[in-house]
Amino acid sequence: MLFVYPLFVGMWELIIILCVILLIFGGKKIPELMRGIGKGVSSFKQGLNEVDEQLKDAKKDEGKTEE
């Protein structure tokens, strides 16, 4: 029996997706698009780091008040 994984993307599928993206956006817009995606990812990571730091600070403050 053949199992098909719906999220599995092979090499040919990636090539087709890249060609479609190139046709839709054109060669000049792709660097701008990638730059925007990169800024979004870095902003997301920075936000996660800030939340992590706030949680650590809250745990430290909680430990001090219990003593």
N, C-alpha and C. Protein backbone atom coordinates (compact mmCIF):
# COMPACT_ATOMS: atom_id res chain seq x y z
N MET A 1 0.84 -1.18 0.00
CA MET A 1 0.00 0.00 0.00
C MET A 1 0.89 1.24 0.00
N LEU A 2 0.53 2.23 -0.79
CA LEU A 2 1.32 3.45 -0.95
C LEU A 2 0.76 4.55 -0.05
N PHE A 3 1.61 5.09 0.80
CA PHE A 3 1.20 6.18 1.66
C PHE A 3 1.70 7.49 1.05
N VAL A 4 0.83 8.47 0.98
CA VAL A 4 1.19 9.77 0.43
C VAL A 4 1.19 10.77 1.58
N TYR A 5 2.31 11.42 1.77
CA TYR A 5 2.42 12.44 2.80
C TYR A 5 2.11 13.80 2.18
N PRO A 6 1.06 14.46 2.61
CA PRO A 6 0.64 15.69 1.95
C PRO A 6 1.63 16.85 2.11
N LEU A 7 2.46 16.82 3.15
CA LEU A 7 3.39 17.93 3.35
C LEU A 7 4.78 17.64 2.80
N PHE A 8 4.98 16.46 2.24
CA PHE A 8 6.28 16.12 1.68
C PHE A 8 6.45 16.82 0.34
N VAL A 9 7.54 17.56 0.20
CA VAL A 9 7.80 18.27 -1.05
C VAL A 9 9.12 17.75 -1.60
N GLY A 10 9.07 17.20 -2.79
CA GLY A 10 10.25 16.66 -3.43
C GLY A 10 11.00 17.72 -4.22
N MET A 11 12.06 17.29 -4.90
CA MET A 11 12.90 18.21 -5.66
C MET A 11 12.13 18.83 -6.83
N TRP A 12 11.34 18.05 -7.55
CA TRP A 12 10.60 18.58 -8.69
C TRP A 12 9.54 19.59 -8.25
N GLU A 13 8.92 19.32 -7.13
CA GLU A 13 7.93 20.26 -6.63
C GLU A 13 8.57 21.59 -6.25
N LEU A 14 9.75 21.53 -5.63
CA LEU A 14 10.46 22.77 -5.27
C LEU A 14 10.84 23.56 -6.51
N ILE A 15 11.29 22.88 -7.54
CA ILE A 15 11.66 23.56 -8.79
C ILE A 15 10.44 24.24 -9.39
N ILE A 16 9.32 23.55 -9.41
CA ILE A 16 8.09 24.13 -9.97
C ILE A 16 7.64 25.33 -9.15
N ILE A 17 7.69 25.22 -7.82
CA ILE A 17 7.29 26.33 -6.96
C ILE A 17 8.20 27.53 -7.19
N LEU A 18 9.50 27.31 -7.29
CA LEU A 18 10.43 28.42 -7.54
C LEU A 18 10.19 29.08 -8.89
N CYS A 19 9.88 28.28 -9.90
CA CYS A 19 9.58 28.85 -11.22
C CYS A 19 8.31 29.68 -11.18
N VAL A 20 7.30 29.23 -10.48
CA VAL A 20 6.06 29.99 -10.38
C VAL A 20 6.30 31.30 -9.64
N ILE A 21 7.08 31.26 -8.57
CA ILE A 21 7.42 32.48 -7.83
C ILE A 21 8.17 33.45 -8.72
N LEU A 22 9.10 32.94 -9.51
CA LEU A 22 9.86 33.78 -10.42
C LEU A 22 8.96 34.41 -11.47
N LEU A 23 8.00 33.67 -11.97
CA LEU A 23 7.07 34.21 -12.96
C LEU A 23 6.14 35.26 -12.35
N ILE A 24 5.69 35.03 -11.13
CA ILE A 24 4.75 35.95 -10.50
C ILE A 24 5.43 37.26 -10.11
N PHE A 25 6.56 37.17 -9.42
CA PHE A 25 7.20 38.37 -8.87
C PHE A 25 8.25 38.97 -9.79
N GLY A 26 8.83 38.21 -10.67
CA GLY A 26 9.88 38.72 -11.53
C GLY A 26 11.22 38.72 -10.81
N GLY A 27 12.29 38.79 -11.57
CA GLY A 27 13.64 38.71 -11.02
C GLY A 27 14.02 39.88 -10.15
N LYS A 28 13.46 41.05 -10.41
CA LYS A 28 13.86 42.24 -9.65
C LYS A 28 13.17 42.33 -8.30
N LYS A 29 12.01 41.75 -8.15
CA LYS A 29 11.26 41.86 -6.90
C LYS A 29 11.65 40.79 -5.88
N ILE A 30 12.26 39.72 -6.30
CA ILE A 30 12.59 38.61 -5.39
C ILE A 30 13.55 39.04 -4.28
N PRO A 31 14.64 39.78 -4.59
CA PRO A 31 15.52 40.21 -3.48
C PRO A 31 14.79 41.08 -2.45
N GLU A 32 13.90 41.96 -2.91
CA GLU A 32 13.14 42.78 -1.98
C GLU A 32 12.22 41.92 -1.13
N LEU A 33 11.60 40.93 -1.74
CA LEU A 33 10.71 40.03 -1.02
C LEU A 33 11.48 39.25 0.04
N MET A 34 12.65 38.72 -0.32
CA MET A 34 13.47 37.95 0.63
C MET A 34 13.97 38.84 1.77
N ARG A 35 14.32 40.07 1.44
CA ARG A 35 14.79 41.01 2.48
C ARG A 35 13.66 41.28 3.48
N GLY A 36 12.45 41.47 2.99
CA GLY A 36 11.30 41.69 3.86
C GLY A 36 11.02 40.49 4.74
N ILE A 37 11.12 39.29 4.17
CA ILE A 37 10.92 38.07 4.95
C ILE A 37 11.98 37.95 6.03
N GLY A 38 13.24 38.25 5.68
CA GLY A 38 14.33 38.19 6.65
C GLY A 38 14.13 39.15 7.80
N LYS A 39 13.68 40.38 7.50
CA LYS A 39 13.41 41.35 8.57
C LYS A 39 12.28 40.87 9.47
N GLY A 40 11.27 40.27 8.87
CA GLY A 40 10.15 39.76 9.66
C GLY A 40 10.58 38.65 10.59
N VAL A 41 11.41 37.74 10.09
CA VAL A 41 11.89 36.62 10.91
C VAL A 41 12.76 37.13 12.05
N SER A 42 13.64 38.09 11.75
CA SER A 42 14.51 38.60 12.82
C SER A 42 13.70 39.35 13.87
N SER A 43 12.67 40.08 13.44
CA SER A 43 11.81 40.77 14.39
C SER A 43 11.06 39.78 15.27
N PHE A 44 10.61 38.69 14.69
CA PHE A 44 9.91 37.65 15.44
C PHE A 44 10.83 37.02 16.47
N LYS A 45 12.07 36.71 16.07
CA LYS A 45 13.03 36.12 17.01
C LYS A 45 13.35 37.09 18.14
N GLN A 46 13.48 38.36 17.83
CA GLN A 46 13.76 39.36 18.86
C GLN A 46 12.60 39.43 19.86
N GLY A 47 11.38 39.38 19.36
CA GLY A 47 10.22 39.38 20.24
C GLY A 47 10.20 38.16 21.15
N LEU A 48 10.54 37.00 20.61
CA LEU A 48 10.59 35.79 21.42
C LEU A 48 11.65 35.89 22.50
N ASN A 49 12.81 36.45 22.17
CA ASN A 49 13.87 36.63 23.16
C ASN A 49 13.45 37.57 24.27
N GLU A 50 12.74 38.64 23.92
CA GLU A 50 12.27 39.59 24.93
C GLU A 50 11.27 38.93 25.88
N VAL A 51 10.36 38.13 25.33
CA VAL A 51 9.39 37.44 26.18
C VAL A 51 10.10 36.45 27.09
N ASP A 52 11.10 35.75 26.56
CA ASP A 52 11.86 34.80 27.37
C ASP A 52 12.57 35.51 28.52
N GLU A 53 13.17 36.67 28.24
CA GLU A 53 13.85 37.43 29.28
C GLU A 53 12.86 37.91 30.35
N GLN A 54 11.67 38.34 29.91
CA GLN A 54 10.66 38.79 30.87
C GLN A 54 10.21 37.64 31.77
N LEU A 55 10.07 36.47 31.21
CA LEU A 55 9.68 35.30 32.01
C LEU A 55 10.76 34.94 33.02
N LYS A 56 12.02 35.01 32.61
CA LYS A 56 13.12 34.73 33.53
C LYS A 56 13.15 35.75 34.66
N ASP A 57 12.95 37.03 34.33
CA ASP A 57 12.94 38.07 35.35
C ASP A 57 11.78 37.86 36.32
N ALA A 58 10.63 37.47 35.80
CA ALA A 58 9.46 37.25 36.66
C ALA A 58 9.71 36.07 37.60
N LYS A 59 10.38 35.05 37.13
CA LYS A 59 10.69 33.90 37.99
C LYS A 59 11.69 34.29 39.07
N LYS A 60 12.67 35.13 38.71
CA LYS A 60 13.63 35.59 39.71
C LYS A 60 12.94 36.42 40.78
N ASP A 61 12.06 37.33 40.34
CA ASP A 61 11.34 38.18 41.29
C ASP A 61 10.42 37.35 42.18
N GLU A 62 9.80 36.33 41.62
CA GLU A 62 8.92 35.46 42.40
C GLU A 62 9.70 34.70 43.46
N GLY A 63 10.90 34.26 43.12
CA GLY A 63 11.74 33.54 44.08
C GLY A 63 12.20 34.42 45.21
N LYS A 64 12.44 35.70 44.95
CA LYS A 64 12.90 36.62 45.99
C LYS A 64 11.78 36.96 46.97
N THR A 65 10.54 37.06 46.49
CA THR A 65 9.44 37.43 47.37
C THR A 65 9.02 36.29 48.28
N GLU A 66 9.29 35.06 47.92
CA GLU A 66 8.90 33.91 48.73
C GLU A 66 9.84 33.74 49.94
N GLU A 67 11.04 34.24 49.87
CA GLU A 67 12.02 34.03 50.94
C GLU A 67 11.77 34.87 52.13
